[in-house]
Amino acid sequence: MVTTERAIPPLTADERTTLESWLDFQRATLARKVAGLTDEQAREPAAPPSALSLLGLVQHMGEVERQWFRRVLQREAVPWLYGPGAGGEARTAELLDEAHGGFAVAPDASLARAVAVWQEQIARSRSACAPLSLDAVGTVRGQEVSLRWIYLHMIEEYARHNGHADLLRERTDGETGH
C-alpha cells in the first residue's frame, strides 16, 4: 500500500537523517499528486506539443530510482523498465535517454502498475543504501559519485518533477496544494 502521508523532515537532525527525510518527503509528495486518479486522468498530457503526463512522471521516477541506486551506486546491470528493449538487455550506469526515461506511456500502461514498480524501486533503493556510509561511491560516466551526492540529486530531481506534477494535477481535476 502506498502511503500519501508526509512527515515533515526534522528541523534538527544529523546529515543522513536530514537527506533521507527530505528524499522520503519528496517521494511522498509525488504519491500524493497521483492519488485517486484514474488511468485516463494520469495519462492526460500537459499541453500540446508536450506529452508529459502524471503517469509518465511516475514511470520516470521509477527508472530514475533504478538508475541512481542500482546502476550507479551498486554498479548493477539491470534492464530498462520502459521504452525500447524494456525488460531485455541489462544495462549499467549510462545516461537515461528520451526513449528510456519512462516519460513515454505505452497504450497498456496503468497508473497502478507504474506506482507498484516505482514503489518496488524505492524499496530496493532504501535497502541498497541502508548499510552504506554517505561517502560510499558508485560510478557514472567513468567518475565516482558519492551516496551523499546521489541523495542530493534525487531530492532535486523529485522536487523539479513534483513542480510539474503540481501543474498537471491542477490541470486534470483542479486539485492543488498537495
N, C-alpha and C. Protein backbone atom coordinates (compact mmCIF):
# COMPACT_ATOMS: atom_id res chain seq x y z
N MET A 1 0.84 -1.18 0.00
CA MET A 1 0.00 0.00 0.00
C MET A 1 0.88 1.24 0.00
N VAL A 2 0.59 2.15 -0.88
CA VAL A 2 1.35 3.39 -0.99
C VAL A 2 0.76 4.40 -0.02
N THR A 3 1.61 4.94 0.82
CA THR A 3 1.14 5.95 1.75
C THR A 3 1.26 7.33 1.11
N THR A 4 0.26 8.14 1.36
CA THR A 4 0.32 9.52 0.87
C THR A 4 0.54 10.48 2.03
N GLU A 5 0.81 9.92 3.21
CA GLU A 5 1.14 10.76 4.37
C GLU A 5 2.57 11.25 4.22
N ARG A 6 2.78 12.50 4.59
CA ARG A 6 4.12 13.07 4.51
C ARG A 6 4.54 13.56 5.88
N ALA A 7 5.67 13.08 6.34
CA ALA A 7 6.25 13.59 7.58
C ALA A 7 7.17 14.75 7.21
N ILE A 8 7.00 15.85 7.91
CA ILE A 8 7.90 16.98 7.71
C ILE A 8 9.29 16.55 8.19
N PRO A 9 10.31 16.75 7.36
CA PRO A 9 11.66 16.36 7.79
C PRO A 9 12.04 17.09 9.08
N PRO A 10 12.80 16.41 9.94
CA PRO A 10 13.18 17.03 11.21
C PRO A 10 13.97 18.31 10.99
N LEU A 11 13.73 19.28 11.86
CA LEU A 11 14.42 20.57 11.75
C LEU A 11 15.84 20.51 12.29
N THR A 12 16.10 19.55 13.16
CA THR A 12 17.46 19.34 13.67
C THR A 12 17.71 17.84 13.66
N ALA A 13 18.65 17.43 12.84
CA ALA A 13 19.00 16.01 12.74
C ALA A 13 20.39 15.91 12.12
N ASP A 14 20.94 14.73 12.19
CA ASP A 14 22.24 14.51 11.54
C ASP A 14 22.05 14.55 10.02
N GLU A 15 23.16 14.61 9.33
CA GLU A 15 23.13 14.77 7.88
C GLU A 15 22.36 13.66 7.17
N ARG A 16 22.63 12.41 7.52
CA ARG A 16 21.97 11.30 6.84
C ARG A 16 20.46 11.33 7.06
N THR A 17 20.05 11.54 8.29
CA THR A 17 18.62 11.59 8.60
C THR A 17 17.96 12.73 7.82
N THR A 18 18.63 13.87 7.75
CA THR A 18 18.10 15.01 7.01
C THR A 18 17.93 14.67 5.54
N LEU A 19 18.96 14.11 4.92
CA LEU A 19 18.89 13.77 3.50
C LEU A 19 17.81 12.72 3.22
N GLU A 20 17.79 11.66 4.00
CA GLU A 20 16.81 10.60 3.78
C GLU A 20 15.39 11.10 4.04
N SER A 21 15.22 11.97 5.03
CA SER A 21 13.89 12.50 5.34
C SER A 21 13.38 13.40 4.22
N TRP A 22 14.25 14.23 3.67
CA TRP A 22 13.83 15.08 2.56
C TRP A 22 13.54 14.26 1.31
N LEU A 23 14.32 13.22 1.05
CA LEU A 23 14.04 12.37 -0.10
C LEU A 23 12.70 11.67 0.09
N ASP A 24 12.45 11.14 1.28
CA ASP A 24 11.16 10.49 1.53
C ASP A 24 9.99 11.48 1.43
N PHE A 25 10.21 12.71 1.87
CA PHE A 25 9.18 13.74 1.75
C PHE A 25 8.84 13.98 0.28
N GLN A 26 9.86 14.07 -0.55
CA GLN A 26 9.62 14.30 -1.98
C GLN A 26 8.94 13.09 -2.63
N ARG A 27 9.35 11.89 -2.24
CA ARG A 27 8.69 10.69 -2.76
C ARG A 27 7.21 10.68 -2.38
N ALA A 28 6.93 11.00 -1.13
CA ALA A 28 5.53 11.03 -0.66
C ALA A 28 4.73 12.12 -1.36
N THR A 29 5.39 13.21 -1.70
CA THR A 29 4.71 14.28 -2.43
C THR A 29 4.22 13.78 -3.78
N LEU A 30 5.07 13.07 -4.51
CA LEU A 30 4.64 12.54 -5.80
C LEU A 30 3.50 11.54 -5.62
N ALA A 31 3.57 10.70 -4.60
CA ALA A 31 2.47 9.76 -4.34
C ALA A 31 1.16 10.51 -4.11
N ARG A 32 1.21 11.62 -3.41
CA ARG A 32 0.00 12.43 -3.17
C ARG A 32 -0.53 13.03 -4.46
N LYS A 33 0.38 13.42 -5.34
CA LYS A 33 -0.03 14.05 -6.60
C LYS A 33 -0.84 13.11 -7.49
N VAL A 34 -0.57 11.81 -7.39
CA VAL A 34 -1.25 10.86 -8.28
C VAL A 34 -2.35 10.07 -7.57
N ALA A 35 -2.50 10.26 -6.27
CA ALA A 35 -3.51 9.51 -5.52
C ALA A 35 -4.91 9.83 -6.02
N GLY A 36 -5.69 8.78 -6.21
CA GLY A 36 -7.09 8.93 -6.57
C GLY A 36 -7.37 9.19 -8.04
N LEU A 37 -6.36 9.18 -8.87
CA LEU A 37 -6.56 9.43 -10.30
C LEU A 37 -6.93 8.15 -11.04
N THR A 38 -7.71 8.29 -12.08
CA THR A 38 -7.96 7.18 -12.99
C THR A 38 -6.80 7.09 -13.98
N ASP A 39 -6.73 5.98 -14.70
CA ASP A 39 -5.69 5.85 -15.72
C ASP A 39 -5.81 6.96 -16.76
N GLU A 40 -7.05 7.28 -17.15
CA GLU A 40 -7.24 8.34 -18.16
C GLU A 40 -6.72 9.67 -17.65
N GLN A 41 -7.02 9.99 -16.40
CA GLN A 41 -6.54 11.25 -15.84
C GLN A 41 -5.02 11.26 -15.75
N ALA A 42 -4.44 10.16 -15.36
CA ALA A 42 -2.98 10.08 -15.22
C ALA A 42 -2.28 10.18 -16.57
N ARG A 43 -2.96 9.81 -17.64
CA ARG A 43 -2.40 9.88 -18.99
C ARG A 43 -2.53 11.26 -19.62
N GLU A 44 -3.36 12.10 -19.05
CA GLU A 44 -3.65 13.42 -19.63
C GLU A 44 -2.35 14.20 -19.83
N PRO A 45 -2.06 14.59 -21.08
CA PRO A 45 -0.81 15.33 -21.31
C PRO A 45 -0.91 16.77 -20.80
N ALA A 46 0.26 17.34 -20.55
CA ALA A 46 0.34 18.70 -20.01
C ALA A 46 -0.35 19.69 -20.94
N ALA A 47 0.19 19.90 -22.08
CA ALA A 47 -0.34 20.82 -23.09
C ALA A 47 0.44 20.59 -24.36
N PRO A 48 -0.25 20.53 -25.49
CA PRO A 48 0.48 20.32 -26.75
C PRO A 48 1.57 21.37 -26.93
N PRO A 49 2.70 21.00 -27.45
CA PRO A 49 3.03 19.71 -28.03
C PRO A 49 3.59 18.71 -27.00
N SER A 50 3.67 19.07 -25.73
CA SER A 50 4.22 18.18 -24.72
C SER A 50 3.31 16.99 -24.48
N ALA A 51 3.91 15.83 -24.32
CA ALA A 51 3.17 14.62 -23.97
C ALA A 51 3.35 14.27 -22.50
N LEU A 52 4.01 15.15 -21.73
CA LEU A 52 4.27 14.91 -20.32
C LEU A 52 2.96 14.65 -19.57
N SER A 53 2.96 13.58 -18.77
CA SER A 53 1.76 13.22 -18.00
C SER A 53 2.18 12.75 -16.61
N LEU A 54 1.21 12.69 -15.71
CA LEU A 54 1.49 12.18 -14.37
C LEU A 54 1.93 10.73 -14.42
N LEU A 55 1.32 9.93 -15.27
CA LEU A 55 1.72 8.54 -15.42
C LEU A 55 3.18 8.47 -15.90
N GLY A 56 3.53 9.30 -16.87
CA GLY A 56 4.90 9.34 -17.36
C GLY A 56 5.88 9.77 -16.28
N LEU A 57 5.47 10.70 -15.41
CA LEU A 57 6.35 11.13 -14.32
C LEU A 57 6.60 10.00 -13.33
N VAL A 58 5.56 9.24 -13.00
CA VAL A 58 5.73 8.11 -12.07
C VAL A 58 6.66 7.07 -12.69
N GLN A 59 6.45 6.76 -13.96
CA GLN A 59 7.33 5.80 -14.64
C GLN A 59 8.76 6.32 -14.63
N HIS A 60 8.93 7.60 -14.95
CA HIS A 60 10.26 8.20 -14.99
C HIS A 60 10.96 8.08 -13.64
N MET A 61 10.25 8.38 -12.56
CA MET A 61 10.89 8.33 -11.25
C MET A 61 11.23 6.89 -10.85
N GLY A 62 10.47 5.92 -11.31
CA GLY A 62 10.85 4.52 -11.11
C GLY A 62 12.16 4.21 -11.81
N GLU A 63 12.29 4.71 -13.02
CA GLU A 63 13.53 4.49 -13.77
C GLU A 63 14.69 5.26 -13.15
N VAL A 64 14.43 6.46 -12.65
CA VAL A 64 15.48 7.26 -12.02
C VAL A 64 15.98 6.58 -10.73
N GLU A 65 15.06 6.07 -9.92
CA GLU A 65 15.47 5.32 -8.72
C GLU A 65 16.37 4.16 -9.12
N ARG A 66 15.96 3.43 -10.13
CA ARG A 66 16.72 2.27 -10.60
C ARG A 66 18.10 2.70 -11.11
N GLN A 67 18.11 3.80 -11.84
CA GLN A 67 19.35 4.31 -12.42
C GLN A 67 20.37 4.64 -11.34
N TRP A 68 19.99 5.51 -10.40
CA TRP A 68 20.98 6.04 -9.46
C TRP A 68 21.35 5.06 -8.34
N PHE A 69 20.39 4.30 -7.87
CA PHE A 69 20.71 3.43 -6.74
C PHE A 69 21.15 2.04 -7.15
N ARG A 70 20.67 1.56 -8.29
CA ARG A 70 21.08 0.22 -8.72
C ARG A 70 22.21 0.27 -9.73
N ARG A 71 22.03 0.99 -10.83
CA ARG A 71 23.07 1.02 -11.87
C ARG A 71 24.30 1.79 -11.42
N VAL A 72 24.11 2.96 -10.83
CA VAL A 72 25.24 3.81 -10.46
C VAL A 72 25.85 3.38 -9.13
N LEU A 73 25.06 3.38 -8.06
CA LEU A 73 25.61 3.10 -6.73
C LEU A 73 26.04 1.65 -6.58
N GLN A 74 25.20 0.73 -6.97
CA GLN A 74 25.53 -0.69 -6.79
C GLN A 74 26.27 -1.29 -7.98
N ARG A 75 26.39 -0.52 -9.05
CA ARG A 75 27.03 -0.98 -10.28
C ARG A 75 26.37 -2.27 -10.80
N GLU A 76 25.08 -2.32 -10.64
CA GLU A 76 24.30 -3.49 -11.03
C GLU A 76 23.81 -3.32 -12.48
N ALA A 77 23.94 -4.35 -13.26
CA ALA A 77 23.45 -4.33 -14.64
C ALA A 77 22.00 -4.79 -14.62
N VAL A 78 21.10 -3.86 -14.84
CA VAL A 78 19.67 -4.17 -14.86
C VAL A 78 19.06 -3.59 -16.14
N PRO A 79 18.04 -4.24 -16.68
CA PRO A 79 17.42 -3.73 -17.91
C PRO A 79 16.60 -2.47 -17.67
N TRP A 80 16.30 -1.79 -18.75
CA TRP A 80 15.41 -0.64 -18.68
C TRP A 80 14.04 -1.11 -18.23
N LEU A 81 13.33 -0.27 -17.53
CA LEU A 81 11.95 -0.56 -17.16
C LEU A 81 10.99 -0.19 -18.27
N TYR A 82 11.32 0.86 -19.02
CA TYR A 82 10.40 1.41 -20.02
C TYR A 82 11.15 1.69 -21.32
N GLY A 83 10.40 1.74 -22.40
CA GLY A 83 10.96 2.10 -23.69
C GLY A 83 11.42 0.89 -24.46
N PRO A 84 12.09 1.13 -25.60
CA PRO A 84 12.55 0.04 -26.45
C PRO A 84 13.46 -0.92 -25.69
N GLY A 85 13.20 -2.18 -25.81
CA GLY A 85 14.02 -3.18 -25.16
C GLY A 85 13.81 -3.30 -23.67
N ALA A 86 12.74 -2.69 -23.15
CA ALA A 86 12.47 -2.76 -21.70
C ALA A 86 12.39 -4.20 -21.26
N GLY A 87 13.02 -4.48 -20.14
CA GLY A 87 13.00 -5.83 -19.60
C GLY A 87 13.98 -6.76 -20.28
N GLY A 88 14.71 -6.25 -21.27
CA GLY A 88 15.64 -7.08 -22.02
C GLY A 88 17.05 -7.00 -21.51
N GLU A 89 17.94 -6.54 -22.38
CA GLU A 89 19.36 -6.50 -22.08
C GLU A 89 19.65 -5.64 -20.85
N ALA A 90 20.47 -6.18 -19.97
CA ALA A 90 20.84 -5.45 -18.76
C ALA A 90 21.80 -4.31 -19.12
N ARG A 91 21.63 -3.20 -18.42
CA ARG A 91 22.44 -2.00 -18.64
C ARG A 91 23.12 -1.58 -17.36
N THR A 92 24.32 -1.10 -17.49
CA THR A 92 24.99 -0.49 -16.34
C THR A 92 24.77 1.01 -16.44
N ALA A 93 25.37 1.76 -15.55
CA ALA A 93 25.14 3.21 -15.49
C ALA A 93 25.47 3.88 -16.82
N GLU A 94 24.46 4.42 -17.43
CA GLU A 94 24.60 5.25 -18.61
C GLU A 94 23.50 6.29 -18.50
N LEU A 95 23.59 7.30 -19.29
CA LEU A 95 22.59 8.36 -19.19
C LEU A 95 21.22 7.85 -19.62
N LEU A 96 20.20 8.26 -18.86
CA LEU A 96 18.84 7.99 -19.29
C LEU A 96 18.58 8.83 -20.53
N ASP A 97 18.05 8.22 -21.55
CA ASP A 97 17.73 9.00 -22.74
C ASP A 97 16.21 9.12 -22.87
N GLU A 98 15.80 9.87 -23.86
CA GLU A 98 14.37 10.13 -24.06
C GLU A 98 13.58 8.84 -24.19
N ALA A 99 14.13 7.87 -24.91
CA ALA A 99 13.42 6.61 -25.14
C ALA A 99 13.29 5.77 -23.88
N HIS A 100 14.26 5.89 -22.98
CA HIS A 100 14.28 5.02 -21.80
C HIS A 100 14.02 5.74 -20.49
N GLY A 101 13.66 7.00 -20.54
CA GLY A 101 13.45 7.78 -19.33
C GLY A 101 12.14 7.51 -18.64
N GLY A 102 11.24 6.77 -19.29
CA GLY A 102 9.96 6.44 -18.68
C GLY A 102 8.85 7.42 -18.99
N PHE A 103 9.17 8.54 -19.63
CA PHE A 103 8.13 9.55 -19.89
C PHE A 103 7.08 9.07 -20.88
N ALA A 104 7.48 8.28 -21.88
CA ALA A 104 6.53 7.78 -22.87
C ALA A 104 5.65 6.72 -22.23
N VAL A 105 4.35 6.83 -22.47
CA VAL A 105 3.38 5.93 -21.85
C VAL A 105 2.85 4.96 -22.90
N ALA A 106 3.06 3.68 -22.67
CA ALA A 106 2.57 2.64 -23.58
C ALA A 106 1.04 2.57 -23.50
N PRO A 107 0.40 2.12 -24.57
CA PRO A 107 -1.06 2.05 -24.59
C PRO A 107 -1.66 1.20 -23.46
N ASP A 108 -0.93 0.17 -23.03
CA ASP A 108 -1.47 -0.71 -21.98
C ASP A 108 -0.96 -0.36 -20.58
N ALA A 109 -0.26 0.74 -20.43
CA ALA A 109 0.28 1.14 -19.12
C ALA A 109 -0.85 1.58 -18.19
N SER A 110 -0.69 1.24 -16.92
CA SER A 110 -1.68 1.67 -15.92
C SER A 110 -0.96 2.39 -14.80
N LEU A 111 -1.68 3.30 -14.16
CA LEU A 111 -1.12 4.03 -13.04
C LEU A 111 -0.80 3.08 -11.90
N ALA A 112 -1.70 2.15 -11.62
CA ALA A 112 -1.47 1.21 -10.51
C ALA A 112 -0.18 0.42 -10.73
N ARG A 113 0.04 -0.04 -11.93
CA ARG A 113 1.26 -0.81 -12.23
C ARG A 113 2.49 0.08 -12.12
N ALA A 114 2.42 1.29 -12.66
CA ALA A 114 3.56 2.21 -12.59
C ALA A 114 3.91 2.55 -11.15
N VAL A 115 2.90 2.78 -10.32
CA VAL A 115 3.14 3.09 -8.91
C VAL A 115 3.77 1.89 -8.22
N ALA A 116 3.28 0.68 -8.51
CA ALA A 116 3.84 -0.52 -7.89
C ALA A 116 5.32 -0.70 -8.27
N VAL A 117 5.65 -0.49 -9.53
CA VAL A 117 7.04 -0.61 -9.98
C VAL A 117 7.89 0.46 -9.32
N TRP A 118 7.39 1.69 -9.27
CA TRP A 118 8.12 2.79 -8.63
C TRP A 118 8.36 2.50 -7.16
N GLN A 119 7.34 2.01 -6.46
CA GLN A 119 7.50 1.70 -5.04
C GLN A 119 8.48 0.55 -4.82
N GLU A 120 8.49 -0.42 -5.72
CA GLU A 120 9.46 -1.51 -5.63
C GLU A 120 10.88 -0.97 -5.78
N GLN A 121 11.07 -0.04 -6.70
CA GLN A 121 12.39 0.55 -6.89
C GLN A 121 12.80 1.37 -5.66
N ILE A 122 11.86 2.07 -5.04
CA ILE A 122 12.16 2.82 -3.82
C ILE A 122 12.60 1.86 -2.71
N ALA A 123 11.89 0.77 -2.55
CA ALA A 123 12.25 -0.22 -1.52
C ALA A 123 13.65 -0.76 -1.77
N ARG A 124 13.98 -1.03 -3.03
CA ARG A 124 15.33 -1.52 -3.37
C ARG A 124 16.37 -0.44 -3.09
N SER A 125 16.02 0.81 -3.38
CA SER A 125 16.94 1.92 -3.12
C SER A 125 17.25 2.02 -1.64
N ARG A 126 16.21 1.98 -0.83
CA ARG A 126 16.42 2.07 0.63
C ARG A 126 17.28 0.92 1.13
N SER A 127 17.00 -0.27 0.65
CA SER A 127 17.76 -1.45 1.06
C SER A 127 19.23 -1.33 0.65
N ALA A 128 19.47 -0.84 -0.55
CA ALA A 128 20.84 -0.69 -1.04
C ALA A 128 21.62 0.32 -0.21
N CYS A 129 20.96 1.38 0.22
CA CYS A 129 21.65 2.47 0.93
C CYS A 129 21.83 2.19 2.41
N ALA A 130 20.97 1.41 3.00
CA ALA A 130 20.97 1.22 4.46
C ALA A 130 22.35 0.89 5.04
N PRO A 131 23.09 -0.04 4.45
CA PRO A 131 24.37 -0.38 5.08
C PRO A 131 25.54 0.53 4.69
N LEU A 132 25.30 1.49 3.81
CA LEU A 132 26.39 2.29 3.27
C LEU A 132 26.55 3.62 3.99
N SER A 133 27.77 4.12 3.99
CA SER A 133 28.01 5.46 4.52
C SER A 133 27.70 6.47 3.41
N LEU A 134 27.54 7.71 3.78
CA LEU A 134 27.30 8.76 2.79
C LEU A 134 28.49 8.94 1.85
N ASP A 135 29.65 8.44 2.27
CA ASP A 135 30.85 8.54 1.44
C ASP A 135 31.03 7.35 0.50
N ALA A 136 30.13 6.38 0.56
CA ALA A 136 30.18 5.24 -0.38
C ALA A 136 30.06 5.80 -1.80
N VAL A 137 30.72 5.14 -2.74
CA VAL A 137 30.71 5.66 -4.10
C VAL A 137 30.22 4.63 -5.11
N GLY A 138 29.58 5.18 -6.12
CA GLY A 138 29.22 4.45 -7.31
C GLY A 138 29.96 5.09 -8.48
N THR A 139 29.62 4.68 -9.67
CA THR A 139 30.30 5.21 -10.86
C THR A 139 29.28 5.61 -11.91
N VAL A 140 29.46 6.82 -12.41
CA VAL A 140 28.63 7.31 -13.52
C VAL A 140 29.54 8.03 -14.51
N ARG A 141 29.41 7.68 -15.77
CA ARG A 141 30.23 8.27 -16.83
C ARG A 141 31.72 8.21 -16.51
N GLY A 142 32.12 7.10 -15.88
CA GLY A 142 33.52 6.88 -15.56
C GLY A 142 34.04 7.66 -14.37
N GLN A 143 33.15 8.33 -13.65
CA GLN A 143 33.57 9.10 -12.48
C GLN A 143 32.88 8.58 -11.24
N GLU A 144 33.59 8.67 -10.12
CA GLU A 144 32.98 8.27 -8.86
C GLU A 144 32.00 9.33 -8.40
N VAL A 145 30.93 8.86 -7.77
CA VAL A 145 29.90 9.76 -7.23
C VAL A 145 29.49 9.20 -5.87
N SER A 146 29.41 10.06 -4.87
CA SER A 146 29.10 9.60 -3.51
C SER A 146 27.59 9.43 -3.30
N LEU A 147 27.26 8.61 -2.33
CA LEU A 147 25.86 8.45 -1.94
C LEU A 147 25.29 9.79 -1.51
N ARG A 148 26.08 10.59 -0.83
CA ARG A 148 25.64 11.93 -0.42
C ARG A 148 25.18 12.74 -1.64
N TRP A 149 25.99 12.75 -2.70
CA TRP A 149 25.66 13.48 -3.92
C TRP A 149 24.40 12.90 -4.56
N ILE A 150 24.30 11.57 -4.58
CA ILE A 150 23.12 10.92 -5.16
C ILE A 150 21.86 11.33 -4.40
N TYR A 151 21.91 11.33 -3.07
CA TYR A 151 20.75 11.78 -2.29
C TYR A 151 20.36 13.21 -2.66
N LEU A 152 21.33 14.10 -2.72
CA LEU A 152 21.02 15.49 -3.08
C LEU A 152 20.44 15.59 -4.48
N HIS A 153 21.01 14.85 -5.41
CA HIS A 153 20.49 14.85 -6.78
C HIS A 153 19.05 14.34 -6.81
N MET A 154 18.78 13.27 -6.08
CA MET A 154 17.43 12.70 -6.09
C MET A 154 16.42 13.66 -5.47
N ILE A 155 16.79 14.37 -4.42
CA ILE A 155 15.89 15.37 -3.83
C ILE A 155 15.57 16.43 -4.88
N GLU A 156 16.59 16.90 -5.58
CA GLU A 156 16.39 17.90 -6.64
C GLU A 156 15.53 17.35 -7.76
N GLU A 157 15.79 16.13 -8.17
CA GLU A 157 15.03 15.50 -9.27
C GLU A 157 13.55 15.40 -8.91
N TYR A 158 13.26 14.91 -7.72
CA TYR A 158 11.87 14.81 -7.29
C TYR A 158 11.24 16.19 -7.16
N ALA A 159 11.94 17.14 -6.55
CA ALA A 159 11.36 18.47 -6.35
C ALA A 159 11.00 19.11 -7.69
N ARG A 160 11.88 18.99 -8.66
CA ARG A 160 11.60 19.55 -10.00
C ARG A 160 10.37 18.89 -10.62
N HIS A 161 10.33 17.57 -10.58
CA HIS A 161 9.19 16.88 -11.20
C HIS A 161 7.91 17.02 -10.38
N ASN A 162 8.04 17.21 -9.07
CA ASN A 162 6.83 17.48 -8.28
C ASN A 162 6.22 18.82 -8.65
N GLY A 163 7.05 19.76 -9.06
CA GLY A 163 6.53 21.03 -9.59
C GLY A 163 5.73 20.79 -10.87
N HIS A 164 6.26 19.94 -11.75
CA HIS A 164 5.50 19.58 -12.95
C HIS A 164 4.19 18.89 -12.55
N ALA A 165 4.28 17.98 -11.59
CA ALA A 165 3.11 17.23 -11.15
C ALA A 165 2.04 18.16 -10.57
N ASP A 166 2.46 19.20 -9.86
CA ASP A 166 1.50 20.20 -9.35
C ASP A 166 0.64 20.74 -10.47
N LEU A 167 1.30 21.19 -11.53
CA LEU A 167 0.59 21.79 -12.65
C LEU A 167 -0.28 20.77 -13.39
N LEU A 168 0.26 19.57 -13.57
CA LEU A 168 -0.51 18.53 -14.25
C LEU A 168 -1.76 18.15 -13.46
N ARG A 169 -1.61 18.00 -12.16
CA ARG A 169 -2.76 17.63 -11.33
C ARG A 169 -3.81 18.74 -11.33
N GLU A 170 -3.37 19.96 -11.23
CA GLU A 170 -4.33 21.07 -11.24
C GLU A 170 -5.06 21.11 -12.59
N ARG A 171 -4.36 20.87 -13.67
CA ARG A 171 -5.00 20.86 -14.99
C ARG A 171 -5.99 19.71 -15.12
N THR A 172 -5.67 18.59 -14.49
CA THR A 172 -6.50 17.40 -14.60
C THR A 172 -7.83 17.54 -13.85
N ASP A 173 -7.77 17.93 -12.58
CA ASP A 173 -9.01 17.97 -11.80
C ASP A 173 -9.12 19.15 -10.84
N GLY A 174 -8.23 20.11 -10.97
CA GLY A 174 -8.31 21.29 -10.13
C GLY A 174 -7.67 21.16 -8.76
N GLU A 175 -7.17 19.95 -8.41
CA GLU A 175 -6.53 19.75 -7.10
C GLU A 175 -5.24 20.53 -7.02
N THR A 176 -5.07 21.23 -5.92
CA THR A 176 -3.83 21.96 -5.66
C THR A 176 -3.41 21.74 -4.22
N GLY A 177 -2.20 22.15 -3.92
CA GLY A 177 -1.74 22.13 -2.55
C GLY A 177 -1.40 20.78 -1.96
N HIS A 178 -1.06 19.85 -2.80
CA HIS A 178 -0.68 18.52 -2.29
C HIS A 178 0.71 18.60 -1.76
